[in-house]
Amino acid sequence: MSLEEREASVIDYYNNYNEKDRLKSTYGKLEFSHMTELLMRYFPKSPAKICDIGGANGDYAFYFAKLGYDAHLLDIVPRHINQAKERAKVENYANSSKFIVGDALQLPYEDNSFDAVFLSGPLYHLPKRSDRIIALSEVKRVLKNDGIIAAYAIGRFATMFYGISTGLIYDLDFMINLKKEVSTGLRYKYAEGALDKAYFHLSEELKQEVCEVGFNFMALHGVIGAGWMAPDFDNAWDNEERKNFILDIARMSESIPDSCSKIFIVAKK
C-alpha cells in the first residue's frame, strides 16, 4: 500500500467512525484514567513542550494544555483537527494554532522541538514494520536530547479478549481469523465498522522496535487490564468504590503488558 493509499484508508475509516466520543464510553474512561496516570508518571513537568501525534480530536492534548503544558496536536484526519479547533473555542486554555493535520511518517516539525511526545495512534495503523520504524525515527528526530517518547500500541490479544467477553469465540469463522491475527499481528475485519488494516503488537516486539531506533528503554506497561470484563461494568464505573477496584486491576496488570488490550512503552532520546 502506497503512502497515499494508507492515508486515504485511515481518513476513510475515521470519517465513518465517531472517534470523538470513544473516550466517553466506560471502556474509554478506564483507558483515559489509567493512561493519563501513566503519562504523568514519566512526562516532564509543566510547562514542557509536548506533542500528541495521532491524537484524534485532542482529548490528551487538552488534558495537558489544562495543566499548563505547551500542548501540540497532530492527526492525519482533517475531521479530527477541525473538531479539536472547535473545542478550543470553548476550552480556550488550548491554542488551536498548534493543532495541525499531518502524517506521522513525515512530521512537519523541526529537529529537537519537543520535550516529550505521546505517539498515541500511528503504530497500530502501520501494518508494515518498516513504516513503524520510520514513525519512531521521526519522533526521535523532533525530540530534544533526553526527551521522552510515550508510545501506545494495541496488544496482540485484544481481539481474543473481546471475543471472550462477547462470546464470539464460539463462532468458527471468528476463531479461524483470530488464530491468524494472534500468529501474525495483522488485523482482520471481523465485523462491519471494525478497525482493519492494522497491526497488534506483542510487548517485547514493541520494545525491540523502539530500541532499534536508538531510544533508551525506560518502561513497558499494560494499560487496560481485565476490569472492563467485570459484570455490570458500566454501572460499576459510576460507583466510586467499584471504579477504584477496576483501576486497581489496571494497575496490577501494568507489569504484564500482554495481559492487556492496550500497551504503553516509555523511552528516552
C-alpha atoms as a PDB file:
ATOM      1  CA  MET A   1       0.000   0.000   0.000  1.00  0.00           C
ATOM      2  CA  SER A   2       1.381   3.386  -1.003  1.00  0.00           C
ATOM      3  CA  LEU A   3       1.607   6.341   1.373  1.00  0.00           C
ATOM      4  CA  GLU A   4      -1.343   7.980  -0.372  1.00  0.00           C
ATOM      5  CA  GLU A   5      -3.443   4.787  -0.197  1.00  0.00           C
ATOM      6  CA  ARG A   6      -2.655   4.351   3.504  1.00  0.00           C
ATOM      7  CA  GLU A   7      -3.632   7.945   4.280  1.00  0.00           C
ATOM      8  CA  ALA A   8      -6.863   7.590   2.303  1.00  0.00           C
ATOM      9  CA  SER A   9      -7.704   4.338   4.104  1.00  0.00           C
ATOM     10  CA  VAL A  10      -7.204   5.825   7.576  1.00  0.00           C
ATOM     11  CA  ILE A  11      -9.108   9.002   6.733  1.00  0.00           C
ATOM     12  CA  ASP A  12     -11.982   6.995   5.246  1.00  0.00           C
ATOM     13  CA  TYR A  13     -12.194   4.810   8.346  1.00  0.00           C
ATOM     14  CA  TYR A  14     -12.373   7.751  10.753  1.00  0.00           C
ATOM     15  CA  ASN A  15     -14.790   9.666   8.556  1.00  0.00           C
ATOM     16  CA  ASN A  16     -17.178   6.776   9.222  1.00  0.00           C
ATOM     17  CA  TYR A  17     -16.275   6.200  12.882  1.00  0.00           C
ATOM     18  CA  ASN A  18     -17.068   8.561  15.743  1.00  0.00           C
ATOM     19  CA  GLU A  19     -13.643   8.783  17.376  1.00  0.00           C
ATOM     20  CA  LYS A  20     -14.695  11.995  19.144  1.00  0.00           C
ATOM     21  CA  ASP A  21     -16.849  10.060  21.608  1.00  0.00           C
ATOM     22  CA  ARG A  22     -14.700   6.927  22.006  1.00  0.00           C
ATOM     23  CA  LEU A  23     -13.178   8.019  25.309  1.00  0.00           C
ATOM     24  CA  LYS A  24     -16.638   8.931  26.617  1.00  0.00           C
ATOM     25  CA  SER A  25     -17.613   5.243  26.756  1.00  0.00           C
ATOM     26  CA  THR A  26     -16.970   3.462  30.055  1.00  0.00           C
ATOM     27  CA  TYR A  27     -14.151   1.480  28.455  1.00  0.00           C
ATOM     28  CA  GLY A  28     -12.720   4.750  27.121  1.00  0.00           C
ATOM     29  CA  LYS A  29     -12.935   6.374  30.545  1.00  0.00           C
ATOM     30  CA  LEU A  30     -10.950   3.480  32.016  1.00  0.00           C
ATOM     31  CA  GLU A  31      -8.346   3.843  29.279  1.00  0.00           C
ATOM     32  CA  PHE A  32      -8.077   7.619  29.719  1.00  0.00           C
ATOM     33  CA  SER A  33      -7.894   7.446  33.524  1.00  0.00           C
ATOM     34  CA  HIS A  34      -5.043   4.978  33.618  1.00  0.00           C
ATOM     35  CA  MET A  35      -3.247   6.343  30.552  1.00  0.00           C
ATOM     36  CA  THR A  36      -3.068   9.855  31.978  1.00  0.00           C
ATOM     37  CA  GLU A  37      -1.843   8.379  35.265  1.00  0.00           C
ATOM     38  CA  LEU A  38       0.962   6.628  33.379  1.00  0.00           C
ATOM     39  CA  LEU A  39       1.809   9.674  31.263  1.00  0.00           C
ATOM     40  CA  MET A  40       2.117  11.902  34.327  1.00  0.00           C
ATOM     41  CA  ARG A  41       4.447   9.337  35.879  1.00  0.00           C
ATOM     42  CA  TYR A  42       7.003   9.816  33.094  1.00  0.00           C
ATOM     43  CA  PHE A  43       6.422  13.136  31.329  1.00  0.00           C
ATOM     44  CA  PRO A  44       8.434  16.225  32.304  1.00  0.00           C
ATOM     45  CA  LYS A  45       6.671  18.811  34.420  1.00  0.00           C
ATOM     46  CA  SER A  46       4.616  21.680  33.054  1.00  0.00           C
ATOM     47  CA  PRO A  47       5.205  23.921  31.113  1.00  0.00           C
ATOM     48  CA  ALA A  48       7.169  21.436  28.977  1.00  0.00           C
ATOM     49  CA  LYS A  49       6.538  21.440  25.229  1.00  0.00           C
ATOM     50  CA  ILE A  50       4.762  18.239  24.216  1.00  0.00           C
ATOM     51  CA  CYS A  51       3.102  16.840  21.111  1.00  0.00           C
ATOM     52  CA  ASP A  52       0.312  14.298  20.805  1.00  0.00           C
ATOM     53  CA  ILE A  53       0.878  12.593  17.455  1.00  0.00           C
ATOM     54  CA  GLY A  54      -2.166  10.777  16.140  1.00  0.00           C
ATOM     55  CA  GLY A  55      -4.235  12.269  18.940  1.00  0.00           C
ATOM     56  CA  ALA A  56      -7.525  12.482  17.006  1.00  0.00           C
ATOM     57  CA  ASN A  57      -9.688  15.325  18.333  1.00  0.00           C
ATOM     58  CA  GLY A  58      -7.264  16.054  21.152  1.00  0.00           C
ATOM     59  CA  ASP A  59      -8.539  14.605  24.434  1.00  0.00           C
ATOM     60  CA  TYR A  60      -4.996  14.070  25.702  1.00  0.00           C
ATOM     61  CA  ALA A  61      -3.720  17.341  24.233  1.00  0.00           C
ATOM     62  CA  PHE A  62      -6.492  19.242  26.016  1.00  0.00           C
ATOM     63  CA  TYR A  63      -5.716  17.386  29.245  1.00  0.00           C
ATOM     64  CA  PHE A  64      -2.103  18.560  29.122  1.00  0.00           C
ATOM     65  CA  ALA A  65      -2.976  22.073  27.972  1.00  0.00           C
ATOM     66  CA  LYS A  66      -5.231  22.418  31.001  1.00  0.00           C
ATOM     67  CA  LEU A  67      -2.262  21.507  33.214  1.00  0.00           C
ATOM     68  CA  GLY A  68      -0.215  24.326  31.698  1.00  0.00           C
ATOM     69  CA  TYR A  69       1.806  22.372  29.141  1.00  0.00           C
ATOM     70  CA  ASP A  70       2.682  23.824  25.746  1.00  0.00           C
ATOM     71  CA  ALA A  71       0.485  21.219  24.040  1.00  0.00           C
ATOM     72  CA  HIS A  72       0.572  20.476  20.317  1.00  0.00           C
ATOM     73  CA  LEU A  73      -1.631  18.070  18.389  1.00  0.00           C
ATOM     74  CA  LEU A  74      -1.125  16.371  15.026  1.00  0.00           C
ATOM     75  CA  ASP A  75      -3.503  13.984  13.282  1.00  0.00           C
ATOM     76  CA  ILE A  76      -3.811  12.682   9.744  1.00  0.00           C
ATOM     77  CA  VAL A  77      -7.602  13.091   9.682  1.00  0.00           C
ATOM     78  CA  PRO A  78      -8.761  16.671   8.913  1.00  0.00           C
ATOM     79  CA  ARG A  79     -12.111  15.976  10.604  1.00  0.00           C
ATOM     80  CA  HIS A  80     -10.346  15.331  13.905  1.00  0.00           C
ATOM     81  CA  ILE A  81      -8.318  18.531  13.790  1.00  0.00           C
ATOM     82  CA  ASN A  82     -11.426  20.540  12.897  1.00  0.00           C
ATOM     83  CA  GLN A  83     -13.183  19.041  15.930  1.00  0.00           C
ATOM     84  CA  ALA A  84     -10.236  19.984  18.144  1.00  0.00           C
ATOM     85  CA  LYS A  85     -10.228  23.545  16.846  1.00  0.00           C
ATOM     86  CA  GLU A  86     -13.960  23.867  17.526  1.00  0.00           C
ATOM     87  CA  ARG A  87     -13.454  22.561  21.052  1.00  0.00           C
ATOM     88  CA  ALA A  88     -10.652  25.067  21.618  1.00  0.00           C
ATOM     89  CA  LYS A  89     -13.114  27.899  21.048  1.00  0.00           C
ATOM     90  CA  VAL A  90     -14.904  26.782  24.216  1.00  0.00           C
ATOM     91  CA  GLU A  91     -11.945  25.466  26.222  1.00  0.00           C
ATOM     92  CA  ASN A  92      -9.723  28.413  25.442  1.00  0.00           C
ATOM     93  CA  TYR A  93      -6.753  27.285  27.537  1.00  0.00           C
ATOM     94  CA  ALA A  94      -5.679  25.296  24.457  1.00  0.00           C
ATOM     95  CA  ASN A  95      -4.059  27.073  21.488  1.00  0.00           C
ATOM     96  CA  SER A  96      -5.779  25.818  18.341  1.00  0.00           C
ATOM     97  CA  SER A  97      -2.994  27.166  16.114  1.00  0.00           C
ATOM     98  CA  LYS A  98      -0.902  24.281  17.470  1.00  0.00           C
ATOM     99  CA  PHE A  99      -3.415  21.708  16.173  1.00  0.00           C
ATOM    100  CA  ILE A 100      -2.448  20.629  12.653  1.00  0.00           C
ATOM    101  CA  VAL A 101      -3.114  17.953  10.042  1.00  0.00           C
ATOM    102  CA  GLY A 102      -0.052  15.839   9.339  1.00  0.00           C
ATOM    103  CA  ASP A 103       1.413  12.378   8.869  1.00  0.00           C
ATOM    104  CA  ALA A 104       3.468  10.542  11.494  1.00  0.00           C
ATOM    105  CA  LEU A 105       5.818   9.359   8.732  1.00  0.00           C
ATOM    106  CA  GLN A 106       6.658  12.953   7.745  1.00  0.00           C
ATOM    107  CA  LEU A 107       6.376  15.136  10.820  1.00  0.00           C
ATOM    108  CA  PRO A 108       6.213  18.852   9.936  1.00  0.00           C
ATOM    109  CA  TYR A 109       8.367  19.881  12.897  1.00  0.00           C
ATOM    110  CA  GLU A 110      11.986  20.948  13.210  1.00  0.00           C
ATOM    111  CA  ASP A 111      14.604  18.744  14.843  1.00  0.00           C
ATOM    112  CA  ASN A 112      14.818  18.897  18.636  1.00  0.00           C
ATOM    113  CA  SER A 113      11.458  20.629  19.043  1.00  0.00           C
ATOM    114  CA  PHE A 114       9.729  18.816  21.925  1.00  0.00           C
ATOM    115  CA  ASP A 115      10.408  17.775  25.496  1.00  0.00           C
ATOM    116  CA  ALA A 116       8.016  14.828  25.165  1.00  0.00           C
ATOM    117  CA  VAL A 117       5.887  13.117  22.533  1.00  0.00           C
ATOM    118  CA  PHE A 118       2.844  10.923  23.007  1.00  0.00           C
ATOM    119  CA  LEU A 119       2.620   8.656  19.959  1.00  0.00           C
ATOM    120  CA  SER A 120      -0.992   7.775  20.600  1.00  0.00           C
ATOM    121  CA  GLY A 121      -2.324   6.304  17.385  1.00  0.00           C
ATOM    122  CA  PRO A 122       0.007   5.726  14.461  1.00  0.00           C
ATOM    123  CA  LEU A 123       1.697   2.465  15.469  1.00  0.00           C
ATOM    124  CA  TYR A 124      -1.383   0.284  15.163  1.00  0.00           C
ATOM    125  CA  HIS A 125      -2.318   1.950  11.867  1.00  0.00           C
ATOM    126  CA  LEU A 126       1.018   0.913  10.324  1.00  0.00           C
ATOM    127  CA  PRO A 127       0.963  -2.805   9.413  1.00  0.00           C
ATOM    128  CA  LYS A 128       4.437  -2.637   7.837  1.00  0.00           C
ATOM    129  CA  ARG A 129       7.285  -2.796  10.336  1.00  0.00           C
ATOM    130  CA  SER A 130       9.418  -0.509   8.165  1.00  0.00           C
ATOM    131  CA  ASP A 131       6.762   2.215   8.427  1.00  0.00           C
ATOM    132  CA  ARG A 132       6.609   1.859  12.211  1.00  0.00           C
ATOM    133  CA  ILE A 133      10.383   2.296  12.344  1.00  0.00           C
ATOM    134  CA  ILE A 134      10.063   5.471  10.240  1.00  0.00           C
ATOM    135  CA  ALA A 135       7.381   6.843  12.577  1.00  0.00           C
ATOM    136  CA  LEU A 136       9.510   6.135  15.650  1.00  0.00           C
ATOM    137  CA  SER A 137      12.551   7.678  13.937  1.00  0.00           C
ATOM    138  CA  GLU A 138      10.557  10.816  13.186  1.00  0.00           C
ATOM    139  CA  VAL A 139       9.621  11.106  16.857  1.00  0.00           C
ATOM    140  CA  LYS A 140      13.268  10.740  17.818  1.00  0.00           C
ATOM    141  CA  ARG A 141      14.208  13.475  15.348  1.00  0.00           C
ATOM    142  CA  VAL A 142      11.752  16.023  16.750  1.00  0.00           C
ATOM    143  CA  LEU A 143      12.546  15.269  20.408  1.00  0.00           C
ATOM    144  CA  LYS A 144      15.152  17.234  22.299  1.00  0.00           C
ATOM    145  CA  ASN A 145      18.049  15.360  23.886  1.00  0.00           C
ATOM    146  CA  ASP A 146      16.723  13.500  26.955  1.00  0.00           C
ATOM    147  CA  GLY A 147      13.213  13.960  25.567  1.00  0.00           C
ATOM    148  CA  ILE A 148      10.611  11.314  26.352  1.00  0.00           C
ATOM    149  CA  ILE A 149       8.590   9.206  23.942  1.00  0.00           C
ATOM    150  CA  ALA A 150       5.453   7.543  25.270  1.00  0.00           C
ATOM    151  CA  ALA A 151       4.110   5.236  22.569  1.00  0.00           C
ATOM    152  CA  TYR A 152       0.783   3.473  22.607  1.00  0.00           C
ATOM    153  CA  ALA A 153       0.010   0.201  20.825  1.00  0.00           C
ATOM    154  CA  ILE A 154      -2.837  -2.293  20.714  1.00  0.00           C
ATOM    155  CA  GLY A 155      -1.855  -5.614  22.262  1.00  0.00           C
ATOM    156  CA  ARG A 156      -1.721  -8.827  20.244  1.00  0.00           C
ATOM    157  CA  PHE A 157      -4.518 -10.472  22.222  1.00  0.00           C
ATOM    158  CA  ALA A 158      -7.013  -7.580  22.202  1.00  0.00           C
ATOM    159  CA  THR A 159      -9.412  -9.305  19.812  1.00  0.00           C
ATOM    160  CA  MET A 160      -9.157 -12.508  21.837  1.00  0.00           C
ATOM    161  CA  PHE A 161     -10.222 -10.680  24.998  1.00  0.00           C
ATOM    162  CA  TYR A 162     -13.088  -9.075  23.104  1.00  0.00           C
ATOM    163  CA  GLY A 163     -14.133 -12.442  21.725  1.00  0.00           C
ATOM    164  CA  ILE A 164     -14.189 -13.958  25.193  1.00  0.00           C
ATOM    165  CA  SER A 165     -16.267 -11.106  26.602  1.00  0.00           C
ATOM    166  CA  THR A 166     -18.843 -11.243  23.798  1.00  0.00           C
ATOM    167  CA  GLY A 167     -18.995 -14.983  23.141  1.00  0.00           C
ATOM    168  CA  LEU A 168     -17.603 -14.603  19.617  1.00  0.00           C
ATOM    169  CA  ILE A 169     -15.052 -17.315  20.398  1.00  0.00           C
ATOM    170  CA  TYR A 170     -17.833 -19.845  19.715  1.00  0.00           C
ATOM    171  CA  ASP A 171     -18.052 -18.690  16.099  1.00  0.00           C
ATOM    172  CA  LEU A 172     -15.896 -20.829  13.792  1.00  0.00           C
ATOM    173  CA  ASP A 173     -15.066 -18.054  11.299  1.00  0.00           C
ATOM    174  CA  PHE A 174     -14.123 -15.707  14.123  1.00  0.00           C
ATOM    175  CA  MET A 175     -11.763 -18.282  15.613  1.00  0.00           C
ATOM    176  CA  ILE A 176     -10.127 -19.096  12.272  1.00  0.00           C
ATOM    177  CA  ASN A 177      -9.331 -15.424  11.732  1.00  0.00           C
ATOM    178  CA  LEU A 178      -8.378 -14.855  15.362  1.00  0.00           C
ATOM    179  CA  LYS A 179      -5.711 -17.562  15.111  1.00  0.00           C
ATOM    180  CA  LYS A 180      -4.249 -15.792  12.069  1.00  0.00           C
ATOM    181  CA  GLU A 181      -4.271 -12.445  13.891  1.00  0.00           C
ATOM    182  CA  VAL A 182      -2.585 -13.822  17.019  1.00  0.00           C
ATOM    183  CA  SER A 183       0.031 -15.543  14.854  1.00  0.00           C
ATOM    184  CA  THR A 184       0.890 -12.589  12.602  1.00  0.00           C
ATOM    185  CA  GLY A 185      -0.305  -9.443  14.394  1.00  0.00           C
ATOM    186  CA  LEU A 186      -2.112  -8.416  11.217  1.00  0.00           C
ATOM    187  CA  ARG A 187      -5.642  -7.301  11.965  1.00  0.00           C
ATOM    188  CA  TYR A 188      -8.616  -8.813  10.177  1.00  0.00           C
ATOM    189  CA  LYS A 189     -12.031  -7.207   9.844  1.00  0.00           C
ATOM    190  CA  TYR A 190     -14.421  -9.353  11.876  1.00  0.00           C
ATOM    191  CA  ALA A 191     -17.439  -7.033  11.787  1.00  0.00           C
ATOM    192  CA  GLU A 192     -18.760  -4.083   9.819  1.00  0.00           C
ATOM    193  CA  GLY A 193     -17.202  -0.896  11.166  1.00  0.00           C
ATOM    194  CA  ALA A 194     -14.382  -2.706  12.964  1.00  0.00           C
ATOM    195  CA  LEU A 195     -10.826  -1.445  12.626  1.00  0.00           C
ATOM    196  CA  ASP A 196      -8.928  -3.205   9.841  1.00  0.00           C
ATOM    197  CA  LYS A 197      -5.593  -2.766   8.047  1.00  0.00           C
ATOM    198  CA  ALA A 198      -3.917  -2.537  11.445  1.00  0.00           C
ATOM    199  CA  TYR A 199      -1.169  -4.157  13.471  1.00  0.00           C
ATOM    200  CA  PHE A 200      -1.390  -5.524  17.023  1.00  0.00           C
ATOM    201  CA  HIS A 201       1.873  -5.820  18.966  1.00  0.00           C
ATOM    202  CA  LEU A 202       3.451  -8.248  21.348  1.00  0.00           C
ATOM    203  CA  SER A 203       5.046  -6.213  24.132  1.00  0.00           C
ATOM    204  CA  GLU A 204       8.580  -7.493  23.519  1.00  0.00           C
ATOM    205  CA  GLU A 205       8.212  -6.707  19.823  1.00  0.00           C
ATOM    206  CA  LEU A 206       7.197  -3.122  20.628  1.00  0.00           C
ATOM    207  CA  LYS A 207      10.261  -2.781  22.845  1.00  0.00           C
ATOM    208  CA  GLN A 208      12.511  -4.113  20.063  1.00  0.00           C
ATOM    209  CA  GLU A 209      11.172  -1.586  17.565  1.00  0.00           C
ATOM    210  CA  VAL A 210      11.630   1.354  19.927  1.00  0.00           C
ATOM    211  CA  CYS A 211      15.161   0.288  20.852  1.00  0.00           C
ATOM    212  CA  GLU A 212      16.113  -0.374  17.222  1.00  0.00           C
ATOM    213  CA  VAL A 213      15.596   3.328  16.515  1.00  0.00           C
ATOM    214  CA  GLY A 214      18.096   4.161  19.252  1.00  0.00           C
ATOM    215  CA  PHE A 215      15.876   5.141  22.165  1.00  0.00           C
ATOM    216  CA  ASN A 216      16.909   4.204  25.693  1.00  0.00           C
ATOM    217  CA  PHE A 217      14.204   1.944  27.103  1.00  0.00           C
ATOM    218  CA  MET A 218      12.580   3.032  30.375  1.00  0.00           C
ATOM    219  CA  ALA A 219       9.362   1.104  30.959  1.00  0.00           C
ATOM    220  CA  LEU A 220       6.708  -1.090  29.359  1.00  0.00           C
ATOM    221  CA  HIS A 221       3.206  -1.337  30.804  1.00  0.00           C
ATOM    222  CA  GLY A 222      -0.204  -2.771  30.189  1.00  0.00           C
ATOM    223  CA  VAL A 223      -2.887  -0.087  30.245  1.00  0.00           C
ATOM    224  CA  ILE A 224      -6.392  -1.512  30.476  1.00  0.00           C
ATOM    225  CA  GLY A 225      -6.291  -4.720  32.494  1.00  0.00           C
ATOM    226  CA  ALA A 226      -9.267  -7.076  32.538  1.00  0.00           C
ATOM    227  CA  GLY A 227     -11.533  -4.990  34.770  1.00  0.00           C
ATOM    228  CA  TRP A 228     -13.686  -3.992  31.802  1.00  0.00           C
ATOM    229  CA  MET A 229     -14.928  -7.589  31.620  1.00  0.00           C
ATOM    230  CA  ALA A 230     -16.415  -7.368  35.123  1.00  0.00           C
ATOM    231  CA  PRO A 231     -20.176  -7.912  35.434  1.00  0.00           C
ATOM    232  CA  ASP A 232     -22.189  -4.702  35.121  1.00  0.00           C
ATOM    233  CA  PHE A 233     -19.048  -2.773  34.200  1.00  0.00           C
ATOM    234  CA  ASP A 234     -20.838   0.425  33.130  1.00  0.00           C
ATOM    235  CA  ASN A 235     -22.737   0.797  36.394  1.00  0.00           C
ATOM    236  CA  ALA A 236     -19.721  -0.251  38.445  1.00  0.00           C
ATOM    237  CA  TRP A 237     -17.688   2.628  36.967  1.00  0.00           C
ATOM    238  CA  ASP A 238     -20.256   5.101  38.270  1.00  0.00           C
ATOM    239  CA  ASN A 239     -19.717   3.793  41.811  1.00  0.00           C
ATOM    240  CA  GLU A 240     -16.566   5.417  43.222  1.00  0.00           C
ATOM    241  CA  GLU A 241     -15.511   2.405  45.277  1.00  0.00           C
ATOM    242  CA  ARG A 242     -16.012  -0.072  42.440  1.00  0.00           C
ATOM    243  CA  LYS A 243     -14.349   2.299  39.978  1.00  0.00           C
ATOM    244  CA  ASN A 244     -11.238   2.246  42.169  1.00  0.00           C
ATOM    245  CA  PHE A 245     -11.303  -1.546  42.219  1.00  0.00           C
ATOM    246  CA  ILE A 246     -11.376  -1.573  38.407  1.00  0.00           C
ATOM    247  CA  LEU A 247      -8.473   0.896  38.263  1.00  0.00           C
ATOM    248  CA  ASP A 248      -6.563  -1.261  40.738  1.00  0.00           C
ATOM    249  CA  ILE A 249      -6.959  -4.185  38.316  1.00  0.00           C
ATOM    250  CA  ALA A 250      -5.414  -2.000  35.599  1.00  0.00           C
ATOM    251  CA  ARG A 251      -2.531  -1.034  37.910  1.00  0.00           C
ATOM    252  CA  MET A 252      -1.906  -4.664  38.876  1.00  0.00           C
ATOM    253  CA  SER A 253      -1.784  -5.537  35.173  1.00  0.00           C
ATOM    254  CA  GLU A 254       0.878  -2.924  34.355  1.00  0.00           C
ATOM    255  CA  SER A 255       3.704  -5.413  34.816  1.00  0.00           C
ATOM    256  CA  ILE A 256       2.108  -7.980  32.467  1.00  0.00           C
ATOM    257  CA  PRO A 257       1.581  -5.963  29.283  1.00  0.00           C
ATOM    258  CA  ASP A 258       0.438  -8.882  27.139  1.00  0.00           C
ATOM    259  CA  SER A 259      -2.461  -9.458  29.532  1.00  0.00           C
ATOM    260  CA  CYS A 260      -3.874  -6.104  28.374  1.00  0.00           C
ATOM    261  CA  SER A 261      -5.551  -4.967  25.181  1.00  0.00           C
ATOM    262  CA  LYS A 262      -3.507  -1.742  25.180  1.00  0.00           C
ATOM    263  CA  ILE A 263       0.275  -1.496  25.653  1.00  0.00           C
ATOM    264  CA  PHE A 264       2.326   1.559  26.657  1.00  0.00           C
ATOM    265  CA  ILE A 265       6.089   1.986  26.283  1.00  0.00           C
ATOM    266  CA  VAL A 266       8.298   4.810  27.545  1.00  0.00           C
ATOM    267  CA  ALA A 267      11.826   5.589  26.362  1.00  0.00           C
ATOM    268  CA  LYS A 268      14.292   8.455  26.296  1.00  0.00           C
ATOM    269  CA  LYS A 269      16.279  10.049  23.473  1.00  0.00           C
END
